[in-house]
Amino acid sequence: MNPRRLVVGISGASGFVYGVRLLQLLRELSIETHLIVSRSALLTMSHETDYKYADISALASVTHRCDDMAASVSSGSFRSLGMIVAPCSMKTLAEIANGMSSSLISRAADVTLKERRPLVLLARETPYTLAHLRNMTAVTEMGAIVAPPVPAFYARPASLDAMVDHTLGRVLDLFGLEAGTVRRWKDEHEPQCV
């Protein structure tokens, strides 16, 4: 059985808050986290939030430099429940789709796929180009799950935080982890036929 640990990558797409909140939720669930933050993500962090890298790294159990190709998470012998890239830029998606391990995020994702562990990519871009769609198809065929952070309005989110929590709760569902942040669909909400 794999230890209760997840690899978390934060790449440079808009939506840095997804990675931060994911780390918070995993900490609440007592899941060991191995964090990799790309250089572009640090730039996005400075534009979108008031966080500093020290704030984010303090949320993780272990942090790895994005250029440290000798890190434990770069090896298939490093056991985990899988990996989540939140958010996942189109550059990172392309690297994963084409087996190009130019950073520790894409290398750890490649290892996750080759070891047949769950890999969930919160692909953050709109609209998509044909290249984006082909890369999403390629990673899906490899076994990854592409989960764009699309809000579920049936949950009637009252805030941006509620939208983020619902999305991440659904992502954690894919690992069998209950974060308590998902407003579940119930039959009484279904429209009645007349």
Foldseek 3Di string as FASTA:
>chain_A
DFAQEEEEEEEQFAQLVLSQVLLVLCVVVVGAYEYEYDPNNQVNCVVPHPDDVVVRCVSHNHYDYFAPCVDPLLDLVRGYQAYEYVAAELVLLLCLLVVNSRTSSSSSNVSRLVNLHEYEHQYDDPPDDVSSVVSQVSVVVSPYHYQHLDFDCVQVDPDPVLSSLQSSQVVVVVSVDHSPSHDDDDPVPDDDDD
